[in-house]
Amino acid sequence: CCCFKGFISHRRGRERDRQRQRARARARERELASCLLCPSSSCRVPLPSSSVVPPEKSQLKPTHRTMSFDMLLALLLFLGNVALLGVLTYKILKYGELEEDHLNPTDFAKGMNTIFPYEISLQGVLLGLCVVTLFVSPMGLKYFLVLLNSLYFAFLFHLLQSDKWKVDAAVVWGQEFRKKSQRIYLGGLAFCGVCFFLYLYNLVRALTTRPGSKI
């Protein structure tokens, strides 16, 4: 009799445990359902990582477009500097031919007067590109490039305004003209040499920078 009563009480205890577990499960389900329907963000149940929606392609386009435009500007700046370096090299070679009597003063003056408008126009384009690329992706190097190109363009513009850029064949053999020409040519060559390495670094940086990273 005692064994039977103990068996009955044991089974009732197990049934009560199962009922408590079912009640807890139903309460948990009701709590989850109420959290999902609740508009407040504080009661929201965090979604699993697999349900995270990736960013749309339209959100990534501006970054890729900006980086592609920056690469194009960096390439144009580099090629423009190479062209300007070629113009200055041409002027130095012509001056060398004049010094060695392989070129008469009239042809030298005509060549220098013809090439100067191309030089100042090219420098103006480079300055404009530097300003545009500064607005596209500001950084310390681009501020320095804008300053450097502004100074050289201001010097060329001063020569244009004062008509000092014109070469007179009558004064080509003068000592003052030779010293002045040497200073201008070597200064321009040094400017282009410094800008060459700066533009090259800017081009490599634009090609290797990943979209979304800090510049």
N, C-alpha and C. Protein backbone atom coordinates (compact mmCIF):
# COMPACT_ATOMS: atom_id res chain seq x y z
N CYS A 1 0.84 -1.21 0.00
CA CYS A 1 0.00 0.00 0.00
C CYS A 1 0.85 1.24 0.00
N CYS A 2 1.89 1.22 0.84
CA CYS A 2 2.80 2.40 0.90
C CYS A 2 3.55 2.59 -0.41
N CYS A 3 3.93 1.47 -1.02
CA CYS A 3 4.65 1.57 -2.31
C CYS A 3 3.75 2.15 -3.39
N PHE A 4 2.46 1.75 -3.36
CA PHE A 4 1.53 2.25 -4.37
C PHE A 4 1.31 3.75 -4.21
N LYS A 5 1.18 4.20 -2.95
CA LYS A 5 1.00 5.62 -2.70
C LYS A 5 2.24 6.42 -3.13
N GLY A 6 3.41 5.85 -2.88
CA GLY A 6 4.63 6.55 -3.30
C GLY A 6 4.73 6.65 -4.82
N PHE A 7 4.32 5.58 -5.52
CA PHE A 7 4.35 5.61 -6.99
C PHE A 7 3.40 6.66 -7.54
N ILE A 8 2.19 6.74 -6.92
CA ILE A 8 1.19 7.71 -7.36
C ILE A 8 1.71 9.14 -7.15
N SER A 9 2.29 9.39 -5.98
CA SER A 9 2.81 10.75 -5.71
C SER A 9 3.97 11.11 -6.63
N HIS A 10 4.77 10.12 -6.99
CA HIS A 10 5.89 10.38 -7.91
C HIS A 10 5.39 10.76 -9.29
N ARG A 11 4.35 10.04 -9.75
CA ARG A 11 3.80 10.36 -11.09
C ARG A 11 3.14 11.72 -11.09
N ARG A 12 2.45 12.05 -10.02
CA ARG A 12 1.83 13.38 -9.95
C ARG A 12 2.90 14.49 -9.93
N GLY A 13 3.98 14.23 -9.26
CA GLY A 13 5.06 15.22 -9.25
C GLY A 13 5.65 15.45 -10.64
N ARG A 14 5.84 14.37 -11.38
CA ARG A 14 6.38 14.49 -12.73
C ARG A 14 5.40 15.23 -13.64
N GLU A 15 4.09 14.96 -13.47
CA GLU A 15 3.10 15.67 -14.28
C GLU A 15 3.08 17.16 -13.96
N ARG A 16 3.23 17.48 -12.65
CA ARG A 16 3.27 18.90 -12.29
C ARG A 16 4.50 19.59 -12.90
N ASP A 17 5.64 18.89 -12.96
CA ASP A 17 6.83 19.46 -13.58
C ASP A 17 6.62 19.72 -15.08
N ARG A 18 5.97 18.76 -15.75
CA ARG A 18 5.72 18.94 -17.18
C ARG A 18 4.77 20.12 -17.41
N GLN A 19 3.75 20.25 -16.55
CA GLN A 19 2.81 21.36 -16.70
C GLN A 19 3.52 22.71 -16.50
N ARG A 20 4.42 22.76 -15.51
CA ARG A 20 5.17 24.01 -15.30
C ARG A 20 6.03 24.34 -16.53
N GLN A 21 6.69 23.33 -17.11
CA GLN A 21 7.53 23.57 -18.29
C GLN A 21 6.69 24.06 -19.47
N ARG A 22 5.47 23.44 -19.64
CA ARG A 22 4.62 23.88 -20.74
C ARG A 22 4.15 25.31 -20.50
N ALA A 23 3.83 25.65 -19.25
CA ALA A 23 3.38 27.00 -18.93
C ALA A 23 4.50 28.02 -19.21
N ARG A 24 5.74 27.66 -18.84
CA ARG A 24 6.86 28.56 -19.11
C ARG A 24 7.06 28.74 -20.61
N ALA A 25 6.93 27.65 -21.39
CA ALA A 25 7.11 27.74 -22.84
C ALA A 25 6.05 28.62 -23.47
N ARG A 26 4.74 28.44 -23.01
CA ARG A 26 3.69 29.27 -23.55
C ARG A 26 3.87 30.74 -23.18
N ALA A 27 4.35 31.00 -21.97
CA ALA A 27 4.61 32.38 -21.55
C ALA A 27 5.74 33.00 -22.38
N ARG A 28 6.77 32.21 -22.65
CA ARG A 28 7.88 32.71 -23.47
C ARG A 28 7.41 33.02 -24.89
N GLU A 29 6.55 32.16 -25.44
CA GLU A 29 6.04 32.40 -26.80
C GLU A 29 5.19 33.67 -26.84
N ARG A 30 4.33 33.86 -25.81
CA ARG A 30 3.52 35.08 -25.77
C ARG A 30 4.39 36.33 -25.64
N GLU A 31 5.49 36.23 -24.87
CA GLU A 31 6.41 37.37 -24.70
C GLU A 31 7.11 37.72 -26.01
N LEU A 32 7.53 36.68 -26.73
CA LEU A 32 8.19 36.93 -28.03
C LEU A 32 7.21 37.54 -29.01
N ALA A 33 5.96 37.03 -29.03
CA ALA A 33 4.97 37.58 -29.96
C ALA A 33 4.66 39.04 -29.64
N SER A 34 4.55 39.36 -28.37
CA SER A 34 4.28 40.75 -28.00
C SER A 34 5.45 41.67 -28.32
N CYS A 35 6.70 41.19 -28.22
CA CYS A 35 7.88 42.00 -28.55
C CYS A 35 7.96 42.28 -30.04
N LEU A 36 7.58 41.27 -30.83
CA LEU A 36 7.64 41.46 -32.28
C LEU A 36 6.60 42.46 -32.74
N LEU A 37 5.43 42.49 -32.08
CA LEU A 37 4.38 43.42 -32.47
C LEU A 37 4.54 44.79 -31.84
N CYS A 38 5.41 44.93 -30.87
CA CYS A 38 5.56 46.21 -30.17
C CYS A 38 6.33 47.19 -31.05
N PRO A 39 5.83 48.45 -31.25
CA PRO A 39 6.54 49.42 -32.11
C PRO A 39 7.80 49.97 -31.47
N SER A 40 7.95 49.85 -30.19
CA SER A 40 9.12 50.42 -29.52
C SER A 40 10.37 49.62 -29.86
N SER A 41 11.48 50.35 -30.10
CA SER A 41 12.73 49.68 -30.45
C SER A 41 13.38 49.00 -29.26
N SER A 42 12.96 49.40 -28.02
CA SER A 42 13.57 48.80 -26.82
C SER A 42 13.12 47.38 -26.60
N CYS A 43 11.92 47.01 -27.11
CA CYS A 43 11.45 45.65 -26.91
C CYS A 43 11.67 44.77 -28.12
N ARG A 44 12.28 45.26 -29.13
CA ARG A 44 12.50 44.47 -30.33
C ARG A 44 13.47 43.33 -30.04
N VAL A 45 13.18 42.19 -30.59
CA VAL A 45 14.08 41.05 -30.46
C VAL A 45 15.13 41.15 -31.55
N PRO A 46 16.42 41.08 -31.22
CA PRO A 46 17.44 41.20 -32.26
C PRO A 46 17.36 40.08 -33.27
N LEU A 47 17.44 40.45 -34.53
CA LEU A 47 17.36 39.47 -35.60
C LEU A 47 18.68 38.74 -35.74
N PRO A 48 18.66 37.51 -36.20
CA PRO A 48 19.93 36.80 -36.42
C PRO A 48 20.73 37.46 -37.52
N SER A 49 22.03 37.14 -37.52
CA SER A 49 22.93 37.78 -38.49
C SER A 49 22.59 37.44 -39.92
N SER A 50 21.97 36.29 -40.17
CA SER A 50 21.63 35.91 -41.53
C SER A 50 20.52 36.76 -42.11
N SER A 51 19.73 37.42 -41.22
CA SER A 51 18.62 38.23 -41.72
C SER A 51 18.99 39.67 -41.95
N VAL A 52 20.26 40.03 -41.73
CA VAL A 52 20.68 41.41 -41.96
C VAL A 52 20.69 41.68 -43.45
N VAL A 53 20.03 42.74 -43.85
CA VAL A 53 19.92 43.06 -45.28
C VAL A 53 21.18 43.79 -45.72
N PRO A 54 21.87 43.31 -46.74
CA PRO A 54 23.07 44.01 -47.21
C PRO A 54 22.70 45.35 -47.82
N PRO A 55 23.65 46.31 -47.82
CA PRO A 55 23.35 47.61 -48.41
C PRO A 55 23.05 47.50 -49.89
N GLU A 56 22.11 48.32 -50.33
CA GLU A 56 21.73 48.29 -51.73
C GLU A 56 22.84 48.83 -52.61
N LYS A 57 22.79 48.45 -53.85
CA LYS A 57 23.81 48.90 -54.78
C LYS A 57 23.78 50.40 -54.98
N SER A 58 22.59 50.97 -54.86
CA SER A 58 22.48 52.42 -55.03
C SER A 58 23.21 53.17 -53.95
N GLN A 59 23.36 52.54 -52.74
CA GLN A 59 24.09 53.19 -51.67
C GLN A 59 25.58 53.11 -51.88
N LEU A 60 26.07 52.16 -52.64
CA LEU A 60 27.50 52.02 -52.88
C LEU A 60 27.97 52.80 -54.09
N LYS A 61 27.06 53.17 -54.96
CA LYS A 61 27.46 53.83 -56.19
C LYS A 61 28.17 55.15 -55.97
N PRO A 62 27.71 56.06 -55.06
CA PRO A 62 28.41 57.33 -54.89
C PRO A 62 29.86 57.17 -54.49
N THR A 63 30.17 56.19 -53.60
CA THR A 63 31.54 55.99 -53.18
C THR A 63 32.40 55.52 -54.34
N HIS A 64 31.91 54.54 -55.10
CA HIS A 64 32.67 54.04 -56.25
C HIS A 64 32.83 55.14 -57.30
N ARG A 65 31.77 55.93 -57.51
CA ARG A 65 31.85 57.00 -58.49
C ARG A 65 32.88 58.05 -58.07
N THR A 66 32.92 58.38 -56.78
CA THR A 66 33.89 59.36 -56.28
C THR A 66 35.31 58.85 -56.45
N MET A 67 35.54 57.58 -56.12
CA MET A 67 36.88 57.02 -56.25
C MET A 67 37.32 56.96 -57.71
N SER A 68 36.41 56.60 -58.62
CA SER A 68 36.76 56.54 -60.03
C SER A 68 37.09 57.93 -60.57
N PHE A 69 36.32 58.94 -60.16
CA PHE A 69 36.59 60.32 -60.58
C PHE A 69 37.92 60.81 -60.03
N ASP A 70 38.24 60.43 -58.81
CA ASP A 70 39.52 60.81 -58.20
C ASP A 70 40.68 60.17 -58.96
N MET A 71 40.51 58.92 -59.37
CA MET A 71 41.56 58.25 -60.16
C MET A 71 41.76 58.95 -61.50
N LEU A 72 40.66 59.34 -62.14
CA LEU A 72 40.76 60.02 -63.43
C LEU A 72 41.47 61.36 -63.29
N LEU A 73 41.13 62.11 -62.25
CA LEU A 73 41.78 63.40 -62.02
C LEU A 73 43.27 63.22 -61.73
N ALA A 74 43.61 62.21 -60.93
CA ALA A 74 45.02 61.97 -60.62
C ALA A 74 45.80 61.61 -61.88
N LEU A 75 45.19 60.82 -62.76
CA LEU A 75 45.86 60.46 -64.01
C LEU A 75 46.04 61.67 -64.92
N LEU A 76 45.00 62.52 -65.01
CA LEU A 76 45.10 63.72 -65.84
C LEU A 76 46.15 64.69 -65.30
N LEU A 77 46.24 64.81 -63.99
CA LEU A 77 47.26 65.68 -63.40
C LEU A 77 48.66 65.17 -63.71
N PHE A 78 48.85 63.87 -63.62
CA PHE A 78 50.16 63.29 -63.91
C PHE A 78 50.55 63.49 -65.37
N LEU A 79 49.60 63.22 -66.27
CA LEU A 79 49.89 63.38 -67.70
C LEU A 79 50.10 64.85 -68.06
N GLY A 80 49.33 65.75 -67.43
CA GLY A 80 49.52 67.17 -67.68
C GLY A 80 50.88 67.66 -67.22
N ASN A 81 51.34 67.14 -66.09
CA ASN A 81 52.67 67.53 -65.61
C ASN A 81 53.76 67.00 -66.53
N VAL A 82 53.56 65.81 -67.06
CA VAL A 82 54.54 65.27 -68.03
C VAL A 82 54.59 66.15 -69.28
N ALA A 83 53.41 66.62 -69.73
CA ALA A 83 53.37 67.50 -70.90
C ALA A 83 54.07 68.83 -70.60
N LEU A 84 53.83 69.38 -69.41
CA LEU A 84 54.50 70.63 -69.04
C LEU A 84 56.00 70.43 -68.92
N LEU A 85 56.40 69.29 -68.40
CA LEU A 85 57.83 68.97 -68.34
C LEU A 85 58.44 68.88 -69.72
N GLY A 86 57.68 68.35 -70.68
CA GLY A 86 58.15 68.30 -72.06
C GLY A 86 58.30 69.69 -72.67
N VAL A 87 57.38 70.61 -72.35
CA VAL A 87 57.48 71.99 -72.85
C VAL A 87 58.74 72.66 -72.32
N LEU A 88 59.01 72.51 -71.03
CA LEU A 88 60.21 73.12 -70.45
C LEU A 88 61.48 72.47 -71.00
N THR A 89 61.45 71.18 -71.23
CA THR A 89 62.61 70.51 -71.82
C THR A 89 62.86 71.02 -73.23
N TYR A 90 61.79 71.27 -73.98
CA TYR A 90 61.93 71.83 -75.33
C TYR A 90 62.59 73.22 -75.28
N LYS A 91 62.19 74.04 -74.31
CA LYS A 91 62.77 75.38 -74.19
C LYS A 91 64.25 75.31 -73.82
N ILE A 92 64.60 74.37 -72.95
CA ILE A 92 66.00 74.23 -72.55
C ILE A 92 66.84 73.73 -73.73
N LEU A 93 66.30 72.80 -74.50
CA LEU A 93 67.04 72.31 -75.67
C LEU A 93 67.24 73.41 -76.71
N LYS A 94 66.22 74.24 -76.91
CA LYS A 94 66.36 75.35 -77.85
C LYS A 94 67.41 76.35 -77.36
N TYR A 95 67.42 76.59 -76.06
CA TYR A 95 68.42 77.50 -75.51
C TYR A 95 69.83 76.92 -75.67
N GLY A 96 69.94 75.59 -75.51
CA GLY A 96 71.24 74.94 -75.71
C GLY A 96 71.71 75.05 -77.16
N GLU A 97 70.77 74.91 -78.11
CA GLU A 97 71.14 75.07 -79.52
C GLU A 97 71.57 76.50 -79.81
N LEU A 98 70.93 77.46 -79.15
CA LEU A 98 71.34 78.85 -79.34
C LEU A 98 72.74 79.10 -78.80
N GLU A 99 73.06 78.52 -77.65
CA GLU A 99 74.38 78.71 -77.05
C GLU A 99 75.48 78.09 -77.92
N GLU A 100 75.15 77.01 -78.61
CA GLU A 100 76.15 76.31 -79.43
C GLU A 100 76.13 76.79 -80.88
N ASP A 101 75.41 77.89 -81.14
CA ASP A 101 75.35 78.49 -82.48
C ASP A 101 74.73 77.56 -83.52
N HIS A 102 73.86 76.65 -83.07
CA HIS A 102 73.14 75.80 -84.01
C HIS A 102 71.78 76.39 -84.36
N LEU A 103 71.44 77.52 -83.75
CA LEU A 103 70.15 78.16 -83.98
C LEU A 103 70.34 79.66 -83.96
N ASN A 104 69.77 80.34 -84.96
CA ASN A 104 69.92 81.80 -85.01
C ASN A 104 68.93 82.47 -84.07
N PRO A 105 69.21 83.69 -83.61
CA PRO A 105 68.35 84.36 -82.63
C PRO A 105 66.92 84.56 -83.09
N THR A 106 66.71 84.76 -84.39
CA THR A 106 65.35 84.99 -84.88
C THR A 106 64.49 83.74 -84.71
N ASP A 107 65.02 82.59 -85.10
CA ASP A 107 64.27 81.34 -84.93
C ASP A 107 64.06 81.01 -83.45
N PHE A 108 65.07 81.32 -82.63
CA PHE A 108 64.94 81.07 -81.20
C PHE A 108 63.82 81.92 -80.59
N ALA A 109 63.80 83.21 -80.92
CA ALA A 109 62.78 84.10 -80.40
C ALA A 109 61.39 83.69 -80.88
N LYS A 110 61.30 83.28 -82.14
CA LYS A 110 60.01 82.85 -82.68
C LYS A 110 59.51 81.60 -81.98
N GLY A 111 60.41 80.65 -81.71
CA GLY A 111 60.02 79.42 -81.03
C GLY A 111 59.59 79.67 -79.59
N MET A 112 60.32 80.54 -78.88
CA MET A 112 59.97 80.84 -77.48
C MET A 112 58.63 81.58 -77.40
N ASN A 113 58.39 82.50 -78.31
CA ASN A 113 57.13 83.24 -78.30
C ASN A 113 55.94 82.36 -78.68
N THR A 114 56.20 81.32 -79.46
CA THR A 114 55.13 80.40 -79.85
C THR A 114 54.76 79.43 -78.74
N ILE A 115 55.77 79.00 -77.97
CA ILE A 115 55.53 77.95 -76.98
C ILE A 115 54.96 78.50 -75.68
N PHE A 116 55.16 79.79 -75.38
CA PHE A 116 54.71 80.32 -74.08
C PHE A 116 53.19 80.25 -73.89
N PRO A 117 52.35 80.61 -74.87
CA PRO A 117 50.89 80.47 -74.65
C PRO A 117 50.47 79.05 -74.30
N TYR A 118 51.11 78.04 -74.90
CA TYR A 118 50.79 76.66 -74.56
C TYR A 118 51.21 76.35 -73.12
N GLU A 119 52.35 76.91 -72.70
CA GLU A 119 52.83 76.65 -71.34
C GLU A 119 51.88 77.22 -70.29
N ILE A 120 51.48 78.48 -70.45
CA ILE A 120 50.60 79.08 -69.45
C ILE A 120 49.20 78.47 -69.49
N SER A 121 48.73 78.06 -70.67
CA SER A 121 47.42 77.41 -70.76
C SER A 121 47.45 76.05 -70.06
N LEU A 122 48.52 75.31 -70.26
CA LEU A 122 48.65 74.01 -69.63
C LEU A 122 48.75 74.14 -68.11
N GLN A 123 49.47 75.16 -67.67
CA GLN A 123 49.57 75.38 -66.23
C GLN A 123 48.22 75.79 -65.62
N GLY A 124 47.45 76.57 -66.36
CA GLY A 124 46.11 76.94 -65.89
C GLY A 124 45.19 75.73 -65.78
N VAL A 125 45.29 74.82 -66.74
CA VAL A 125 44.48 73.60 -66.69
C VAL A 125 44.87 72.74 -65.48
N LEU A 126 46.18 72.64 -65.24
CA LEU A 126 46.65 71.86 -64.09
C LEU A 126 46.15 72.46 -62.78
N LEU A 127 46.19 73.78 -62.68
CA LEU A 127 45.69 74.44 -61.47
C LEU A 127 44.20 74.18 -61.28
N GLY A 128 43.43 74.25 -62.36
CA GLY A 128 42.00 73.96 -62.27
C GLY A 128 41.72 72.52 -61.84
N LEU A 129 42.49 71.58 -62.38
CA LEU A 129 42.32 70.18 -62.00
C LEU A 129 42.67 69.96 -60.53
N CYS A 130 43.71 70.66 -60.05
CA CYS A 130 44.08 70.55 -58.64
C CYS A 130 42.95 71.04 -57.73
N VAL A 131 42.30 72.13 -58.13
CA VAL A 131 41.20 72.66 -57.33
C VAL A 131 40.02 71.68 -57.33
N VAL A 132 39.73 71.09 -58.49
CA VAL A 132 38.61 70.14 -58.57
C VAL A 132 38.88 68.90 -57.73
N THR A 133 40.09 68.36 -57.84
CA THR A 133 40.40 67.15 -57.06
C THR A 133 40.46 67.43 -55.58
N LEU A 134 40.75 68.68 -55.20
CA LEU A 134 40.71 69.05 -53.78
C LEU A 134 39.29 69.01 -53.24
N PHE A 135 38.31 69.42 -54.04
CA PHE A 135 36.92 69.37 -53.62
C PHE A 135 36.37 67.94 -53.63
N VAL A 136 36.89 67.10 -54.54
CA VAL A 136 36.41 65.72 -54.61
C VAL A 136 36.84 64.93 -53.38
N SER A 137 38.11 65.01 -53.02
CA SER A 137 38.63 64.28 -51.84
C SER A 137 39.72 65.12 -51.19
N PRO A 138 39.36 65.95 -50.23
CA PRO A 138 40.35 66.84 -49.60
C PRO A 138 41.40 66.06 -48.81
N MET A 139 42.62 66.49 -48.93
CA MET A 139 43.72 65.95 -48.14
C MET A 139 44.87 66.95 -48.16
N GLY A 140 45.83 66.78 -47.25
CA GLY A 140 46.91 67.74 -47.10
C GLY A 140 47.76 67.91 -48.35
N LEU A 141 48.03 66.81 -49.06
CA LEU A 141 48.86 66.88 -50.25
C LEU A 141 48.23 67.75 -51.32
N LYS A 142 46.91 67.67 -51.45
CA LYS A 142 46.23 68.43 -52.51
C LYS A 142 46.21 69.92 -52.19
N TYR A 143 46.14 70.28 -50.91
CA TYR A 143 46.26 71.69 -50.55
C TYR A 143 47.63 72.22 -50.96
N PHE A 144 48.66 71.41 -50.74
CA PHE A 144 50.02 71.83 -51.12
C PHE A 144 50.16 71.94 -52.63
N LEU A 145 49.53 71.03 -53.38
CA LEU A 145 49.60 71.08 -54.84
C LEU A 145 48.89 72.33 -55.37
N VAL A 146 47.75 72.67 -54.78
CA VAL A 146 47.04 73.89 -55.19
C VAL A 146 47.90 75.12 -54.93
N LEU A 147 48.54 75.17 -53.78
CA LEU A 147 49.40 76.31 -53.45
C LEU A 147 50.58 76.39 -54.40
N LEU A 148 51.23 75.26 -54.67
CA LEU A 148 52.40 75.23 -55.54
C LEU A 148 52.04 75.66 -56.97
N ASN A 149 50.95 75.12 -57.49
CA ASN A 149 50.53 75.47 -58.85
C ASN A 149 50.04 76.91 -58.94
N SER A 150 49.45 77.41 -57.87
CA SER A 150 48.99 78.81 -57.87
C SER A 150 50.17 79.77 -57.96
N LEU A 151 51.25 79.46 -57.24
CA LEU A 151 52.43 80.33 -57.26
C LEU A 151 53.06 80.35 -58.66
N TYR A 152 53.19 79.18 -59.27
CA TYR A 152 53.82 79.14 -60.59
C TYR A 152 52.92 79.78 -61.65
N PHE A 153 51.61 79.57 -61.53
CA PHE A 153 50.70 80.20 -62.48
C PHE A 153 50.69 81.72 -62.31
N ALA A 154 50.79 82.19 -61.06
CA ALA A 154 50.87 83.64 -60.82
C ALA A 154 52.13 84.22 -61.44
N PHE A 155 53.24 83.48 -61.38
CA PHE A 155 54.48 83.96 -62.00
C PHE A 155 54.33 84.04 -63.52
N LEU A 156 53.76 83.02 -64.13
CA LEU A 156 53.56 83.05 -65.58
C LEU A 156 52.58 84.15 -65.99
N PHE A 157 51.55 84.34 -65.18
CA PHE A 157 50.57 85.39 -65.48
C PHE A 157 51.20 86.77 -65.36
N HIS A 158 52.12 86.92 -64.42
CA HIS A 158 52.84 88.19 -64.30
C HIS A 158 53.69 88.47 -65.54
N LEU A 159 54.34 87.42 -66.05
CA LEU A 159 55.11 87.58 -67.29
C LEU A 159 54.19 87.95 -68.45
N LEU A 160 53.00 87.36 -68.48
CA LEU A 160 52.06 87.65 -69.56
C LEU A 160 51.55 89.09 -69.49
N GLN A 161 51.24 89.56 -68.28
CA GLN A 161 50.71 90.91 -68.12
C GLN A 161 51.75 91.99 -68.41
N SER A 162 52.99 91.72 -68.07
CA SER A 162 54.05 92.72 -68.26
C SER A 162 54.78 92.58 -69.59
N ASP A 163 54.34 91.66 -70.44
CA ASP A 163 54.97 91.41 -71.75
C ASP A 163 56.44 90.99 -71.63
N LYS A 164 56.81 90.47 -70.46
CA LYS A 164 58.19 90.00 -70.29
C LYS A 164 58.40 88.60 -70.85
N TRP A 165 57.33 87.98 -71.28
CA TRP A 165 57.45 86.64 -71.83
C TRP A 165 57.93 86.67 -73.27
N LYS A 166 57.78 87.81 -73.94
CA LYS A 166 58.20 87.91 -75.34
C LYS A 166 59.72 88.01 -75.44
N VAL A 167 60.26 87.26 -76.35
CA VAL A 167 61.71 87.23 -76.57
C VAL A 167 62.02 88.07 -77.80
N ASP A 168 62.90 89.04 -77.60
CA ASP A 168 63.34 89.90 -78.70
C ASP A 168 64.65 89.36 -79.25
N ALA A 169 64.69 89.14 -80.55
CA ALA A 169 65.90 88.58 -81.16
C ALA A 169 67.09 89.51 -81.02
N ALA A 170 66.85 90.81 -80.83
CA ALA A 170 67.96 91.76 -80.73
C ALA A 170 68.71 91.66 -79.41
N VAL A 171 68.07 91.15 -78.36
CA VAL A 171 68.71 91.11 -77.04
C VAL A 171 69.06 89.68 -76.63
N VAL A 172 68.98 88.75 -77.56
CA VAL A 172 69.22 87.35 -77.22
C VAL A 172 70.65 87.13 -76.75
N TRP A 173 71.60 87.83 -77.34
CA TRP A 173 73.00 87.62 -76.99
C TRP A 173 73.44 88.44 -75.77
N GLY A 174 72.54 89.20 -75.19
CA GLY A 174 72.90 89.98 -74.02
C GLY A 174 73.09 89.12 -72.78
N GLN A 175 74.01 89.57 -71.90
CA GLN A 175 74.31 88.82 -70.69
C GLN A 175 73.12 88.78 -69.74
N GLU A 176 72.39 89.87 -69.66
CA GLU A 176 71.24 89.92 -68.76
C GLU A 176 70.15 88.96 -69.21
N PHE A 177 69.92 88.87 -70.51
CA PHE A 177 68.90 87.96 -71.02
C PHE A 177 69.28 86.51 -70.73
N ARG A 178 70.58 86.19 -70.86
CA ARG A 178 71.02 84.81 -70.62
C ARG A 178 70.81 84.41 -69.15
N LYS A 179 71.17 85.29 -68.24
CA LYS A 179 71.00 84.98 -66.82
C LYS A 179 69.52 84.84 -66.45
N LYS A 180 68.73 85.74 -66.99
CA LYS A 180 67.30 85.68 -66.71
C LYS A 180 66.68 84.40 -67.28
N SER A 181 67.06 84.04 -68.49
CA SER A 181 66.52 82.84 -69.12
C SER A 181 66.92 81.59 -68.35
N GLN A 182 68.17 81.55 -67.92
CA GLN A 182 68.64 80.39 -67.17
C GLN A 182 67.87 80.23 -65.86
N ARG A 183 67.63 81.33 -65.17
CA ARG A 183 66.87 81.26 -63.91
C ARG A 183 65.44 80.78 -64.16
N ILE A 184 64.81 81.30 -65.20
CA ILE A 184 63.42 80.92 -65.48
C ILE A 184 63.32 79.45 -65.89
N TYR A 185 64.21 79.02 -66.77
CA TYR A 185 64.15 77.64 -67.25
C TYR A 185 64.47 76.64 -66.14
N LEU A 186 65.52 76.91 -65.38
CA LEU A 186 65.89 75.99 -64.30
C LEU A 186 64.84 75.99 -63.18
N GLY A 187 64.28 77.17 -62.88
CA GLY A 187 63.21 77.22 -61.88
C GLY A 187 61.98 76.45 -62.30
N GLY A 188 61.59 76.61 -63.57
CA GLY A 188 60.44 75.85 -64.07
C GLY A 188 60.70 74.36 -64.09
N LEU A 189 61.94 73.97 -64.43
CA LEU A 189 62.29 72.55 -64.45
C LEU A 189 62.26 71.96 -63.03
N ALA A 190 62.76 72.73 -62.06
CA ALA A 190 62.71 72.27 -60.67
C ALA A 190 61.27 72.14 -60.18
N PHE A 191 60.43 73.10 -60.57
CA PHE A 191 59.01 73.03 -60.19
C PHE A 191 58.35 71.77 -60.76
N CYS A 192 58.58 71.50 -62.04
CA CYS A 192 57.97 70.32 -62.66
C CYS A 192 58.53 69.02 -62.08
N GLY A 193 59.83 69.04 -61.71
CA GLY A 193 60.42 67.84 -61.11
C GLY A 193 59.80 67.51 -59.76
N VAL A 194 59.58 68.54 -58.93
CA VAL A 194 58.93 68.31 -57.63
C VAL A 194 57.49 67.84 -57.83
N CYS A 195 56.78 68.51 -58.73
CA CYS A 195 55.38 68.14 -58.99
C CYS A 195 55.26 66.74 -59.58
N PHE A 196 56.27 66.31 -60.32
CA PHE A 196 56.23 64.98 -60.93
C PHE A 196 56.10 63.90 -59.86
N PHE A 197 56.94 63.99 -58.82
CA PHE A 197 56.89 62.99 -57.76
C PHE A 197 55.62 63.13 -56.92
N LEU A 198 55.14 64.37 -56.73
CA LEU A 198 53.90 64.56 -55.97
C LEU A 198 52.69 64.00 -56.73
N TYR A 199 52.65 64.26 -58.04
CA TYR A 199 51.55 63.73 -58.85
C TYR A 199 51.63 62.20 -58.95
N LEU A 200 52.84 61.68 -59.01
CA LEU A 200 53.00 60.23 -59.06
C LEU A 200 52.51 59.59 -57.76
N TYR A 201 52.84 60.18 -56.63
CA TYR A 201 52.35 59.67 -55.35
C TYR A 201 50.83 59.77 -55.27
N ASN A 202 50.30 60.89 -55.75
CA ASN A 202 48.84 61.07 -55.74
C ASN A 202 48.15 60.02 -56.62
N LEU A 203 48.75 59.70 -57.75
CA LEU A 203 48.18 58.70 -58.65
C LEU A 203 48.22 57.31 -58.01
N VAL A 204 49.33 56.95 -57.40
CA VAL A 204 49.44 55.64 -56.74
C VAL A 204 48.45 55.55 -55.58
N ARG A 205 48.31 56.64 -54.82
CA ARG A 205 47.36 56.64 -53.70
C ARG A 205 45.92 56.46 -54.20
N ALA A 206 45.58 57.13 -55.31
CA ALA A 206 44.23 57.01 -55.84
C ALA A 206 43.95 55.61 -56.38
N LEU A 207 44.97 54.95 -56.92
CA LEU A 207 44.78 53.61 -57.47
C LEU A 207 44.73 52.53 -56.40
N THR A 208 45.36 52.78 -55.26
CA THR A 208 45.44 51.76 -54.22
C THR A 208 44.47 51.98 -53.07
N THR A 209 43.79 53.14 -53.01
CA THR A 209 42.85 53.40 -51.92
C THR A 209 41.55 52.66 -52.18
N ARG A 210 41.07 51.92 -51.19
CA ARG A 210 39.82 51.18 -51.32
C ARG A 210 38.64 52.09 -51.07
N PRO A 211 37.50 51.84 -51.74
CA PRO A 211 36.30 52.65 -51.49
C PRO A 211 35.85 52.54 -50.04
N GLY A 212 35.53 53.68 -49.46
CA GLY A 212 35.04 53.72 -48.09
C GLY A 212 36.12 53.89 -47.06
N SER A 213 37.41 53.76 -47.44
CA SER A 213 38.48 53.95 -46.49
C SER A 213 38.83 55.42 -46.40
N LYS A 214 39.47 55.80 -45.30
CA LYS A 214 39.83 57.19 -45.10
C LYS A 214 41.01 57.55 -45.96
N ILE A 215 40.95 58.72 -46.60
CA ILE A 215 42.02 59.15 -47.49
C ILE A 215 43.03 59.95 -46.70
